[in-house]
C-alpha cells in the first residue's frame, strides 16, 4: 500500500463521490478538509499529507528552486500518488473521482492527470504552476477541469495559466478558468466558482 498519511471523512452513502484534497506547500491534511465538506456535501473526503519536507514545509514532490521541479522525483511521486488514489477507489467504487488541489497540491493533481488520466474524472486546480510542457494525452478528452488563478499572482505568470488552459483545450477536456483580481491567495469568488463547478456531484440527502 502507498504510504501516505491522510484524513478521511465518510460519504453519506455507498458509492458517494470521492473527493481527494491536496494542500499547498506548508499545509497539511487539515488545510482543506472542512472546506471540502462545504464544496461537495455528502462526498467521501480524503485529504492527503505531502510526504516531502522542504525546510519543514510539507510538499508532494521536490524542487530545486522556485518554479524549478525535480522532474525525476515528480515522476516517482506522481506514480505513488496514482497508486494511492486507485487503492482508495477500490475500497468503495465511487460514482465519481474528483481531485482538488491548491498550488503544490494542484501541481501533483495535474501531474497525475497528465500521466494516468483514468484516475480522476474531475480536476479542480487552484493556482497551479506547470513550468513544463506536458505530453499530449488522449485520455484527457471530455475530462472536466476547472483552473482558478489570480491576475496579480507573482508566483504564477498569467501566461503560464493560459498555457495550461490551452493544453487542456487541445486534449478535448471540458475546461473552465476562473480568474480573480488578486494574487496567490484563495478568494471567495473562486470558491463560488468551485462550488458551482462541483454542484452536479453533490449527494442529495433527505
N, C-alpha and C. Protein backbone atom coordinates (compact mmCIF):
# COMPACT_ATOMS: atom_id res chain seq x y z
N UNK A 1 0.85 -1.20 0.00
CA UNK A 1 0.00 0.00 0.00
C UNK A 1 0.88 1.25 0.00
N UNK A 2 0.50 2.26 -0.74
CA UNK A 2 1.23 3.53 -0.77
C UNK A 2 1.17 4.18 0.61
N UNK A 3 2.31 4.65 1.08
CA UNK A 3 2.42 5.14 2.45
C UNK A 3 2.22 6.66 2.53
N UNK A 4 1.00 7.08 2.53
CA UNK A 4 0.67 8.48 2.76
C UNK A 4 -0.17 8.57 4.02
N UNK A 5 0.09 9.58 4.83
CA UNK A 5 -0.82 9.89 5.91
C UNK A 5 -1.99 10.68 5.33
N UNK A 6 -3.17 10.42 5.85
CA UNK A 6 -4.33 11.13 5.32
C UNK A 6 -5.44 11.21 6.36
N UNK A 7 -6.34 12.11 6.12
CA UNK A 7 -7.52 12.28 6.96
C UNK A 7 -8.74 11.95 6.10
N UNK A 8 -9.69 11.23 6.67
CA UNK A 8 -10.82 10.75 5.87
C UNK A 8 -12.15 11.11 6.52
N UNK A 9 -13.11 11.44 5.69
CA UNK A 9 -14.49 11.64 6.09
C UNK A 9 -15.38 10.74 5.25
N UNK A 10 -16.23 9.98 5.90
CA UNK A 10 -17.07 9.02 5.18
C UNK A 10 -18.12 9.74 4.34
N UNK A 11 -18.45 9.12 3.21
CA UNK A 11 -19.52 9.64 2.38
C UNK A 11 -20.87 9.37 3.01
N UNK A 12 -21.88 10.10 2.54
CA UNK A 12 -23.21 9.95 3.12
C UNK A 12 -23.90 8.68 2.67
N UNK A 13 -23.38 8.02 1.66
CA UNK A 13 -23.97 6.78 1.19
C UNK A 13 -22.92 5.98 0.42
N UNK A 14 -23.17 4.69 0.25
CA UNK A 14 -22.28 3.85 -0.52
C UNK A 14 -22.20 4.35 -1.95
N UNK A 15 -20.98 4.40 -2.47
CA UNK A 15 -20.81 4.86 -3.84
C UNK A 15 -20.85 6.36 -4.01
N UNK A 16 -20.80 7.11 -2.90
CA UNK A 16 -20.77 8.57 -2.99
C UNK A 16 -19.52 9.01 -3.74
N UNK A 17 -19.54 10.20 -4.33
CA UNK A 17 -18.33 10.70 -4.98
C UNK A 17 -17.15 10.71 -4.02
N UNK A 18 -15.97 10.49 -4.55
CA UNK A 18 -14.74 10.53 -3.76
C UNK A 18 -14.02 11.84 -4.08
N UNK A 19 -13.78 12.65 -3.06
CA UNK A 19 -13.10 13.93 -3.22
C UNK A 19 -11.73 13.84 -2.57
N UNK A 20 -10.68 13.91 -3.38
CA UNK A 20 -9.31 13.92 -2.90
C UNK A 20 -8.85 15.37 -2.76
N UNK A 21 -8.28 15.71 -1.61
CA UNK A 21 -7.88 17.07 -1.29
C UNK A 21 -6.37 17.14 -1.10
N UNK A 22 -5.73 18.09 -1.81
CA UNK A 22 -4.27 18.21 -1.80
C UNK A 22 -3.88 19.63 -1.37
N UNK A 23 -3.15 19.75 -0.28
CA UNK A 23 -2.80 21.05 0.30
C UNK A 23 -1.68 21.75 -0.47
N UNK A 24 -1.46 23.01 -0.14
CA UNK A 24 -0.34 23.76 -0.68
C UNK A 24 0.91 23.56 0.14
N UNK A 25 2.04 24.07 -0.36
CA UNK A 25 3.30 23.98 0.38
C UNK A 25 3.14 24.58 1.78
N UNK A 26 3.54 23.81 2.78
CA UNK A 26 3.43 24.26 4.16
C UNK A 26 2.11 23.91 4.82
N UNK A 27 1.17 23.38 4.06
CA UNK A 27 -0.09 22.94 4.64
C UNK A 27 -0.02 21.49 5.08
N UNK A 28 -1.17 20.93 5.39
CA UNK A 28 -1.24 19.51 5.73
C UNK A 28 -2.64 19.02 5.41
N UNK A 29 -2.96 17.83 5.87
CA UNK A 29 -4.24 17.21 5.52
C UNK A 29 -5.44 17.93 6.13
N UNK A 30 -5.20 18.86 7.02
CA UNK A 30 -6.31 19.60 7.61
C UNK A 30 -6.67 20.87 6.83
N UNK A 31 -5.82 21.30 5.91
CA UNK A 31 -5.98 22.61 5.28
C UNK A 31 -7.33 22.76 4.56
N UNK A 32 -7.75 21.74 3.84
CA UNK A 32 -8.99 21.85 3.06
C UNK A 32 -10.05 20.82 3.47
N UNK A 33 -9.81 20.12 4.58
CA UNK A 33 -10.72 19.02 4.94
C UNK A 33 -12.13 19.53 5.19
N UNK A 34 -12.29 20.54 6.02
CA UNK A 34 -13.63 21.06 6.31
C UNK A 34 -14.21 21.79 5.10
N UNK A 35 -13.37 22.51 4.38
CA UNK A 35 -13.84 23.19 3.17
C UNK A 35 -14.38 22.19 2.16
N UNK A 36 -13.75 21.03 2.07
CA UNK A 36 -14.21 20.02 1.14
C UNK A 36 -15.65 19.61 1.40
N UNK A 37 -16.04 19.55 2.67
CA UNK A 37 -17.42 19.18 3.01
C UNK A 37 -18.39 20.26 2.58
N UNK A 38 -17.95 21.52 2.58
CA UNK A 38 -18.81 22.62 2.14
C UNK A 38 -18.92 22.66 0.62
N UNK A 39 -17.83 22.35 -0.05
CA UNK A 39 -17.83 22.42 -1.51
C UNK A 39 -18.54 21.25 -2.16
N UNK A 40 -18.48 20.07 -1.51
CA UNK A 40 -19.12 18.89 -2.09
C UNK A 40 -19.79 18.08 -0.98
N UNK A 41 -20.95 18.53 -0.50
CA UNK A 41 -21.65 17.83 0.58
C UNK A 41 -21.96 16.39 0.22
N UNK A 42 -21.77 15.51 1.19
CA UNK A 42 -22.11 14.11 1.01
C UNK A 42 -21.01 13.26 0.42
N UNK A 43 -19.93 13.88 -0.06
CA UNK A 43 -18.85 13.11 -0.67
C UNK A 43 -17.99 12.44 0.40
N UNK A 44 -17.35 11.38 0.02
CA UNK A 44 -16.28 10.80 0.84
C UNK A 44 -15.05 11.68 0.61
N UNK A 45 -14.44 12.15 1.68
CA UNK A 45 -13.30 13.05 1.56
C UNK A 45 -12.03 12.37 2.06
N UNK A 46 -10.97 12.50 1.28
CA UNK A 46 -9.66 12.03 1.71
C UNK A 46 -8.67 13.16 1.45
N UNK A 47 -8.11 13.69 2.53
CA UNK A 47 -7.13 14.76 2.44
C UNK A 47 -5.76 14.16 2.70
N UNK A 48 -4.87 14.29 1.73
CA UNK A 48 -3.59 13.59 1.73
C UNK A 48 -2.47 14.52 2.19
N UNK A 49 -1.64 14.06 3.10
CA UNK A 49 -0.50 14.83 3.57
C UNK A 49 0.69 14.60 2.63
N UNK A 50 1.31 15.69 2.17
CA UNK A 50 2.52 15.57 1.36
C UNK A 50 3.63 14.90 2.16
N UNK A 51 4.46 14.12 1.47
CA UNK A 51 5.49 13.35 2.16
C UNK A 51 6.90 13.87 1.88
N UNK A 52 7.01 15.09 1.37
CA UNK A 52 8.30 15.73 1.16
C UNK A 52 8.38 16.95 2.07
N UNK A 53 9.50 17.10 2.78
CA UNK A 53 9.71 18.26 3.64
C UNK A 53 10.72 19.19 2.99
N UNK A 54 10.32 20.43 2.79
CA UNK A 54 11.22 21.46 2.28
C UNK A 54 11.45 22.47 3.40
N UNK A 55 12.55 22.28 4.12
CA UNK A 55 12.85 23.13 5.28
C UNK A 55 11.68 23.13 6.27
N UNK A 56 11.07 21.96 6.44
CA UNK A 56 9.97 21.82 7.38
C UNK A 56 8.58 22.03 6.79
N UNK A 57 8.51 22.51 5.57
CA UNK A 57 7.21 22.73 4.91
C UNK A 57 6.86 21.51 4.06
N UNK A 58 5.68 20.96 4.28
CA UNK A 58 5.27 19.75 3.57
C UNK A 58 4.90 20.07 2.12
N UNK A 59 5.36 19.19 1.23
CA UNK A 59 5.05 19.26 -0.19
C UNK A 59 4.82 17.85 -0.72
N UNK A 60 4.46 17.77 -2.01
CA UNK A 60 4.22 16.46 -2.63
C UNK A 60 5.38 15.99 -3.50
N UNK A 61 6.30 16.87 -3.86
CA UNK A 61 7.47 16.47 -4.64
C UNK A 61 8.56 17.51 -4.43
N UNK A 62 9.78 17.14 -4.79
CA UNK A 62 10.92 18.01 -4.58
C UNK A 62 11.04 19.06 -5.69
N UNK A 63 11.68 20.16 -5.34
CA UNK A 63 12.05 21.16 -6.33
C UNK A 63 13.45 21.64 -6.01
N UNK A 64 14.11 22.20 -7.01
CA UNK A 64 15.47 22.69 -6.82
C UNK A 64 15.52 24.20 -6.70
N UNK A 65 14.39 24.86 -6.89
CA UNK A 65 14.28 26.30 -6.78
C UNK A 65 12.84 26.70 -7.00
N UNK A 66 12.53 27.98 -6.84
CA UNK A 66 11.17 28.46 -7.05
C UNK A 66 10.76 28.22 -8.51
N UNK A 67 9.74 27.37 -8.70
CA UNK A 67 9.26 27.08 -10.05
C UNK A 67 10.16 26.15 -10.84
N UNK A 68 11.15 25.52 -10.17
CA UNK A 68 12.06 24.58 -10.84
C UNK A 68 11.89 23.21 -10.19
N UNK A 69 11.31 22.28 -10.92
CA UNK A 69 10.94 21.00 -10.34
C UNK A 69 12.01 19.94 -10.59
N UNK A 70 12.18 19.05 -9.62
CA UNK A 70 12.98 17.85 -9.79
C UNK A 70 12.10 16.86 -10.55
N UNK A 71 12.28 16.79 -11.86
CA UNK A 71 11.35 16.04 -12.70
C UNK A 71 11.40 14.54 -12.44
N UNK A 72 12.57 14.02 -12.08
CA UNK A 72 12.64 12.59 -11.76
C UNK A 72 11.84 12.29 -10.50
N UNK A 73 11.98 13.15 -9.51
CA UNK A 73 11.23 12.97 -8.26
C UNK A 73 9.73 13.14 -8.53
N UNK A 74 9.38 14.11 -9.35
CA UNK A 74 7.97 14.32 -9.67
C UNK A 74 7.37 13.07 -10.31
N UNK A 75 8.11 12.45 -11.22
CA UNK A 75 7.60 11.24 -11.88
C UNK A 75 7.37 10.12 -10.88
N UNK A 76 8.32 9.93 -9.95
CA UNK A 76 8.18 8.87 -8.95
C UNK A 76 6.99 9.13 -8.03
N UNK A 77 6.84 10.36 -7.60
CA UNK A 77 5.78 10.68 -6.64
C UNK A 77 4.42 10.77 -7.32
N UNK A 78 4.41 11.10 -8.59
CA UNK A 78 3.15 11.04 -9.36
C UNK A 78 2.65 9.61 -9.43
N UNK A 79 3.54 8.66 -9.72
CA UNK A 79 3.16 7.25 -9.78
C UNK A 79 2.68 6.76 -8.42
N UNK A 80 3.36 7.18 -7.34
CA UNK A 80 2.95 6.77 -5.99
C UNK A 80 1.59 7.33 -5.64
N UNK A 81 1.33 8.58 -6.00
CA UNK A 81 0.03 9.18 -5.70
C UNK A 81 -1.08 8.49 -6.48
N UNK A 82 -0.81 8.17 -7.73
CA UNK A 82 -1.81 7.47 -8.53
C UNK A 82 -2.16 6.12 -7.91
N UNK A 83 -1.14 5.40 -7.42
CA UNK A 83 -1.40 4.12 -6.75
C UNK A 83 -2.26 4.32 -5.51
N UNK A 84 -1.92 5.34 -4.72
CA UNK A 84 -2.69 5.62 -3.51
C UNK A 84 -4.15 5.89 -3.84
N UNK A 85 -4.41 6.72 -4.83
CA UNK A 85 -5.79 7.06 -5.19
C UNK A 85 -6.52 5.82 -5.71
N UNK A 86 -5.85 5.02 -6.52
CA UNK A 86 -6.50 3.79 -7.01
C UNK A 86 -6.89 2.86 -5.86
N UNK A 87 -6.06 2.79 -4.83
CA UNK A 87 -6.39 1.96 -3.67
C UNK A 87 -7.64 2.48 -2.97
N UNK A 88 -7.77 3.78 -2.86
CA UNK A 88 -8.95 4.37 -2.23
C UNK A 88 -10.20 4.14 -3.09
N UNK A 89 -10.04 4.23 -4.39
CA UNK A 89 -11.17 3.98 -5.30
C UNK A 89 -11.67 2.55 -5.14
N UNK A 90 -10.74 1.61 -5.04
CA UNK A 90 -11.12 0.19 -4.95
C UNK A 90 -11.90 -0.12 -3.69
N UNK A 91 -11.76 0.71 -2.66
CA UNK A 91 -12.43 0.45 -1.39
C UNK A 91 -13.94 0.67 -1.46
N UNK A 92 -14.39 1.55 -2.34
CA UNK A 92 -15.81 1.94 -2.28
C UNK A 92 -16.48 2.14 -3.64
N UNK A 93 -15.72 2.06 -4.73
CA UNK A 93 -16.26 2.22 -6.08
C UNK A 93 -17.16 3.47 -6.18
N UNK A 94 -16.57 4.64 -6.05
CA UNK A 94 -17.33 5.89 -6.05
C UNK A 94 -17.98 6.19 -7.40
N UNK A 95 -19.03 7.00 -7.36
CA UNK A 95 -19.72 7.38 -8.60
C UNK A 95 -18.89 8.35 -9.44
N UNK A 96 -17.97 9.09 -8.80
CA UNK A 96 -17.06 9.99 -9.50
C UNK A 96 -15.84 10.20 -8.61
N UNK A 97 -14.69 10.39 -9.25
CA UNK A 97 -13.45 10.65 -8.52
C UNK A 97 -13.00 12.06 -8.86
N UNK A 98 -12.94 12.91 -7.84
CA UNK A 98 -12.70 14.34 -8.04
C UNK A 98 -11.47 14.74 -7.23
N UNK A 99 -10.56 15.44 -7.86
CA UNK A 99 -9.39 15.95 -7.18
C UNK A 99 -9.47 17.45 -7.05
N UNK A 100 -9.08 17.98 -5.89
CA UNK A 100 -9.00 19.41 -5.67
C UNK A 100 -7.67 19.70 -4.99
N UNK A 101 -6.86 20.55 -5.62
CA UNK A 101 -5.57 20.87 -5.05
C UNK A 101 -5.25 22.34 -5.21
N UNK A 102 -4.47 22.86 -4.26
CA UNK A 102 -4.06 24.26 -4.27
C UNK A 102 -2.55 24.34 -4.40
N UNK A 103 -2.06 25.15 -5.34
CA UNK A 103 -0.64 25.43 -5.50
C UNK A 103 0.12 24.11 -5.69
N UNK A 104 1.02 23.73 -4.79
CA UNK A 104 1.73 22.47 -4.96
C UNK A 104 0.78 21.28 -5.03
N UNK A 105 -0.33 21.35 -4.30
CA UNK A 105 -1.33 20.29 -4.38
C UNK A 105 -2.00 20.23 -5.75
N UNK A 106 -2.21 21.40 -6.36
CA UNK A 106 -2.75 21.42 -7.73
C UNK A 106 -1.75 20.84 -8.70
N UNK A 107 -0.46 21.06 -8.44
CA UNK A 107 0.57 20.57 -9.35
C UNK A 107 0.67 19.05 -9.34
N UNK A 108 0.60 18.42 -8.16
CA UNK A 108 0.65 16.96 -8.13
C UNK A 108 -0.63 16.38 -8.73
N UNK A 109 -1.76 17.02 -8.50
CA UNK A 109 -3.00 16.56 -9.12
C UNK A 109 -2.92 16.63 -10.64
N UNK A 110 -2.44 17.76 -11.15
CA UNK A 110 -2.30 17.90 -12.60
C UNK A 110 -1.34 16.85 -13.15
N UNK A 111 -0.25 16.60 -12.43
CA UNK A 111 0.73 15.62 -12.90
C UNK A 111 0.13 14.22 -12.99
N UNK A 112 -0.69 13.85 -12.02
CA UNK A 112 -1.37 12.55 -12.10
C UNK A 112 -2.31 12.52 -13.30
N UNK A 113 -3.01 13.62 -13.54
CA UNK A 113 -3.92 13.66 -14.69
C UNK A 113 -3.17 13.55 -16.01
N UNK A 114 -1.99 14.18 -16.09
CA UNK A 114 -1.19 14.07 -17.32
C UNK A 114 -0.71 12.63 -17.54
N UNK A 115 -0.29 11.97 -16.47
CA UNK A 115 0.35 10.66 -16.58
C UNK A 115 -0.63 9.51 -16.65
N UNK A 116 -1.71 9.59 -15.83
CA UNK A 116 -2.68 8.49 -15.73
C UNK A 116 -4.08 9.10 -15.71
N UNK A 117 -4.58 9.54 -16.85
CA UNK A 117 -5.82 10.31 -16.89
C UNK A 117 -7.06 9.53 -16.48
N UNK A 118 -6.98 8.21 -16.39
CA UNK A 118 -8.15 7.45 -15.99
C UNK A 118 -8.40 7.51 -14.48
N UNK A 119 -7.45 8.02 -13.71
CA UNK A 119 -7.60 8.03 -12.25
C UNK A 119 -8.70 9.00 -11.81
N UNK A 120 -8.65 10.23 -12.32
CA UNK A 120 -9.61 11.26 -11.92
C UNK A 120 -10.62 11.55 -13.03
N UNK A 121 -11.86 11.72 -12.64
CA UNK A 121 -12.90 12.16 -13.58
C UNK A 121 -12.92 13.67 -13.69
N UNK A 122 -12.59 14.34 -12.60
CA UNK A 122 -12.71 15.80 -12.50
C UNK A 122 -11.49 16.34 -11.76
N UNK A 123 -10.95 17.45 -12.24
CA UNK A 123 -9.84 18.10 -11.56
C UNK A 123 -10.13 19.56 -11.29
N UNK A 124 -9.94 19.98 -10.04
CA UNK A 124 -10.07 21.39 -9.66
C UNK A 124 -8.68 21.86 -9.26
N UNK A 125 -8.09 22.71 -10.08
CA UNK A 125 -6.71 23.15 -9.91
C UNK A 125 -6.70 24.61 -9.47
N UNK A 126 -6.44 24.83 -8.19
CA UNK A 126 -6.39 26.18 -7.64
C UNK A 126 -4.96 26.69 -7.71
N UNK A 127 -4.72 27.68 -8.56
CA UNK A 127 -3.41 28.31 -8.70
C UNK A 127 -2.30 27.30 -9.03
N UNK A 128 -2.47 26.51 -10.09
CA UNK A 128 -1.43 25.57 -10.48
C UNK A 128 -0.26 26.27 -11.16
N UNK A 129 0.92 25.68 -11.06
CA UNK A 129 2.11 26.17 -11.76
C UNK A 129 2.75 24.97 -12.46
N UNK A 130 2.61 24.92 -13.76
CA UNK A 130 3.17 23.83 -14.57
C UNK A 130 4.21 24.44 -15.50
N UNK A 131 5.50 24.44 -15.09
CA UNK A 131 6.53 25.12 -15.86
C UNK A 131 7.15 24.25 -16.95
N UNK A 132 6.50 23.15 -17.29
CA UNK A 132 6.99 22.27 -18.35
C UNK A 132 5.85 22.00 -19.31
N UNK A 133 6.17 21.44 -20.46
CA UNK A 133 5.15 21.15 -21.48
C UNK A 133 4.72 19.69 -21.36
N UNK A 134 3.52 19.41 -20.83
CA UNK A 134 3.07 18.03 -20.72
C UNK A 134 2.87 17.41 -22.11
N UNK A 135 3.10 16.11 -22.20
CA UNK A 135 2.82 15.40 -23.45
C UNK A 135 1.33 15.36 -23.71
N UNK A 136 0.95 15.33 -24.97
CA UNK A 136 -0.46 15.16 -25.31
C UNK A 136 -0.97 13.86 -24.70
N UNK A 137 -2.22 13.89 -24.26
CA UNK A 137 -2.79 12.75 -23.54
C UNK A 137 -4.24 12.58 -23.98
N UNK A 138 -4.46 11.58 -24.85
CA UNK A 138 -5.81 11.35 -25.38
C UNK A 138 -6.81 11.03 -24.29
N UNK A 139 -6.34 10.47 -23.17
CA UNK A 139 -7.24 10.09 -22.09
C UNK A 139 -7.88 11.27 -21.38
N UNK A 140 -7.41 12.48 -21.65
CA UNK A 140 -7.99 13.67 -21.03
C UNK A 140 -9.22 14.17 -21.77
N UNK A 141 -9.54 13.58 -22.89
CA UNK A 141 -10.71 14.01 -23.65
C UNK A 141 -11.96 13.88 -22.80
N UNK A 142 -12.74 14.94 -22.74
CA UNK A 142 -14.01 15.03 -22.01
C UNK A 142 -13.86 15.06 -20.48
N UNK A 143 -12.64 15.05 -19.96
CA UNK A 143 -12.46 15.23 -18.51
C UNK A 143 -12.84 16.67 -18.15
N UNK A 144 -13.50 16.85 -17.02
CA UNK A 144 -13.87 18.20 -16.58
C UNK A 144 -12.76 18.77 -15.71
N UNK A 145 -12.33 19.98 -16.06
CA UNK A 145 -11.23 20.62 -15.35
C UNK A 145 -11.59 22.08 -15.09
N UNK A 146 -11.37 22.52 -13.86
CA UNK A 146 -11.51 23.93 -13.50
C UNK A 146 -10.16 24.42 -13.02
N UNK A 147 -9.68 25.52 -13.61
CA UNK A 147 -8.47 26.20 -13.15
C UNK A 147 -8.88 27.53 -12.55
N UNK A 148 -8.35 27.86 -11.36
CA UNK A 148 -8.54 29.19 -10.80
C UNK A 148 -7.19 29.87 -10.67
N UNK A 149 -7.19 31.20 -10.80
CA UNK A 149 -5.91 31.92 -10.81
C UNK A 149 -6.13 33.38 -10.45
N UNK A 150 -5.04 34.02 -10.00
CA UNK A 150 -5.06 35.45 -9.69
C UNK A 150 -4.35 36.23 -10.78
N UNK A 151 -4.95 37.31 -11.20
CA UNK A 151 -4.34 38.13 -12.25
C UNK A 151 -3.02 38.74 -11.81
N UNK A 152 -2.83 38.95 -10.50
CA UNK A 152 -1.61 39.57 -10.00
C UNK A 152 -0.78 38.58 -9.16
N UNK A 153 -0.87 37.32 -9.51
CA UNK A 153 -0.11 36.28 -8.80
C UNK A 153 1.37 36.40 -9.19
N UNK A 154 2.22 36.80 -8.25
CA UNK A 154 3.64 36.97 -8.55
C UNK A 154 4.38 35.65 -8.68
N UNK A 155 3.77 34.56 -8.21
CA UNK A 155 4.40 33.25 -8.33
C UNK A 155 4.09 32.59 -9.65
N UNK A 156 2.92 32.92 -10.21
CA UNK A 156 2.45 32.23 -11.41
C UNK A 156 2.05 33.26 -12.46
N UNK A 157 2.88 33.51 -13.45
CA UNK A 157 2.52 34.46 -14.52
C UNK A 157 1.24 34.02 -15.22
N UNK A 158 0.42 35.00 -15.59
CA UNK A 158 -0.85 34.69 -16.24
C UNK A 158 -0.67 33.84 -17.49
N UNK A 159 0.43 34.06 -18.21
CA UNK A 159 0.63 33.30 -19.45
C UNK A 159 0.83 31.81 -19.18
N UNK A 160 1.37 31.47 -17.99
CA UNK A 160 1.50 30.05 -17.65
C UNK A 160 0.13 29.41 -17.43
N UNK A 161 -0.75 30.14 -16.77
CA UNK A 161 -2.12 29.64 -16.58
C UNK A 161 -2.81 29.50 -17.93
N UNK A 162 -2.65 30.47 -18.79
CA UNK A 162 -3.28 30.42 -20.11
C UNK A 162 -2.71 29.26 -20.94
N UNK A 163 -1.41 29.00 -20.77
CA UNK A 163 -0.79 27.88 -21.48
C UNK A 163 -1.37 26.55 -21.01
N UNK A 164 -1.60 26.43 -19.70
CA UNK A 164 -2.20 25.20 -19.18
C UNK A 164 -3.63 25.05 -19.65
N UNK A 165 -4.38 26.14 -19.67
CA UNK A 165 -5.74 26.11 -20.20
C UNK A 165 -5.73 25.65 -21.65
N UNK A 166 -4.82 26.19 -22.45
CA UNK A 166 -4.73 25.82 -23.86
C UNK A 166 -4.38 24.34 -24.02
N UNK A 167 -3.53 23.83 -23.13
CA UNK A 167 -3.18 22.41 -23.18
C UNK A 167 -4.43 21.54 -23.01
N UNK A 168 -5.23 21.82 -21.96
CA UNK A 168 -6.42 21.01 -21.74
C UNK A 168 -7.41 21.17 -22.89
N UNK A 169 -7.49 22.35 -23.45
CA UNK A 169 -8.36 22.55 -24.61
C UNK A 169 -7.93 21.66 -25.77
N UNK A 170 -6.64 21.59 -26.03
CA UNK A 170 -6.13 20.74 -27.13
C UNK A 170 -6.42 19.27 -26.88
N UNK A 171 -6.47 18.86 -25.62
CA UNK A 171 -6.74 17.45 -25.31
C UNK A 171 -8.22 17.10 -25.44
N UNK A 172 -9.06 18.11 -25.62
CA UNK A 172 -10.50 17.86 -25.70
C UNK A 172 -11.18 17.83 -24.35
N UNK A 173 -10.50 18.34 -23.31
CA UNK A 173 -11.12 18.39 -21.99
C UNK A 173 -12.20 19.45 -21.95
N UNK A 174 -13.13 19.31 -21.00
CA UNK A 174 -14.13 20.35 -20.74
C UNK A 174 -13.51 21.28 -19.71
N UNK A 175 -12.90 22.37 -20.18
CA UNK A 175 -12.07 23.21 -19.34
C UNK A 175 -12.75 24.54 -19.04
N UNK A 176 -12.70 24.96 -17.78
CA UNK A 176 -13.17 26.27 -17.37
C UNK A 176 -12.05 26.94 -16.57
N UNK A 177 -11.97 28.27 -16.68
CA UNK A 177 -10.99 29.02 -15.91
C UNK A 177 -11.68 30.17 -15.19
N UNK A 178 -11.40 30.31 -13.90
CA UNK A 178 -11.97 31.39 -13.09
C UNK A 178 -10.82 32.26 -12.56
N UNK A 179 -10.82 33.53 -12.95
CA UNK A 179 -9.79 34.47 -12.53
C UNK A 179 -10.33 35.38 -11.44
N UNK A 180 -9.43 35.82 -10.54
CA UNK A 180 -9.77 36.94 -9.67
C UNK A 180 -8.67 37.98 -9.78
N UNK A 181 -8.91 39.14 -9.20
CA UNK A 181 -8.01 40.28 -9.40
C UNK A 181 -6.80 40.25 -8.48
N UNK A 182 -6.72 39.28 -7.58
CA UNK A 182 -5.65 39.25 -6.60
C UNK A 182 -4.45 38.44 -7.02
N UNK A 183 -3.74 37.92 -6.01
CA UNK A 183 -2.52 37.18 -6.24
C UNK A 183 -2.67 35.69 -6.03
N UNK A 184 -1.79 35.13 -5.17
CA UNK A 184 -1.78 33.68 -4.95
C UNK A 184 -2.76 33.25 -3.87
N UNK A 185 -3.50 34.20 -3.34
CA UNK A 185 -4.47 33.89 -2.29
C UNK A 185 -5.74 33.29 -2.88
N UNK A 186 -6.43 32.51 -2.07
CA UNK A 186 -7.73 31.94 -2.46
C UNK A 186 -8.81 32.91 -2.02
N UNK A 187 -9.63 33.34 -2.96
CA UNK A 187 -10.66 34.34 -2.68
C UNK A 187 -12.05 33.74 -2.77
N UNK A 188 -13.00 34.44 -2.17
CA UNK A 188 -14.36 33.92 -2.08
C UNK A 188 -14.97 33.70 -3.46
N UNK A 189 -14.66 34.56 -4.42
CA UNK A 189 -15.26 34.40 -5.74
C UNK A 189 -14.79 33.13 -6.45
N UNK A 190 -13.54 32.73 -6.20
CA UNK A 190 -13.11 31.48 -6.84
C UNK A 190 -13.71 30.28 -6.13
N UNK A 191 -13.93 30.37 -4.81
CA UNK A 191 -14.61 29.28 -4.12
C UNK A 191 -16.05 29.14 -4.60
N UNK A 192 -16.68 30.26 -4.93
CA UNK A 192 -18.02 30.20 -5.51
C UNK A 192 -17.98 29.51 -6.87
N UNK A 193 -16.93 29.77 -7.64
CA UNK A 193 -16.78 29.10 -8.93
C UNK A 193 -16.60 27.60 -8.74
N UNK A 194 -15.81 27.21 -7.73
CA UNK A 194 -15.63 25.78 -7.44
C UNK A 194 -16.95 25.15 -7.02
N UNK A 195 -17.69 25.84 -6.15
CA UNK A 195 -18.97 25.32 -5.67
C UNK A 195 -19.92 25.06 -6.83
N UNK A 196 -20.00 26.01 -7.76
CA UNK A 196 -20.87 25.82 -8.92
C UNK A 196 -20.39 24.71 -9.82
N UNK A 197 -19.07 24.60 -9.97
CA UNK A 197 -18.49 23.57 -10.83
C UNK A 197 -18.77 22.17 -10.29
N UNK A 198 -18.75 22.03 -8.97
CA UNK A 198 -18.93 20.71 -8.34
C UNK A 198 -20.39 20.38 -8.05
N UNK A 199 -21.27 21.32 -8.24
CA UNK A 199 -22.68 21.11 -7.88
C UNK A 199 -23.28 19.85 -8.49
N UNK A 200 -22.95 19.48 -9.73
CA UNK A 200 -23.55 18.26 -10.29
C UNK A 200 -23.21 16.98 -9.53
N UNK A 201 -22.18 17.02 -8.68
CA UNK A 201 -21.74 15.82 -7.99
C UNK A 201 -22.19 15.76 -6.54
N UNK A 202 -22.85 16.81 -6.06
CA UNK A 202 -23.31 16.84 -4.68
C UNK A 202 -24.33 15.73 -4.45
N UNK A 203 -24.24 15.09 -3.30
CA UNK A 203 -25.15 13.99 -2.96
C UNK A 203 -26.42 14.56 -2.38
N UNK A 204 -27.56 14.18 -2.94
CA UNK A 204 -28.84 14.64 -2.41
C UNK A 204 -29.17 13.85 -1.15
N UNK A 205 -29.53 14.56 -0.10
CA UNK A 205 -29.91 13.89 1.15
C UNK A 205 -31.34 14.27 1.49
N UNK A 206 -32.02 13.35 2.14
CA UNK A 206 -33.44 13.58 2.51
C UNK A 206 -33.48 14.10 3.92
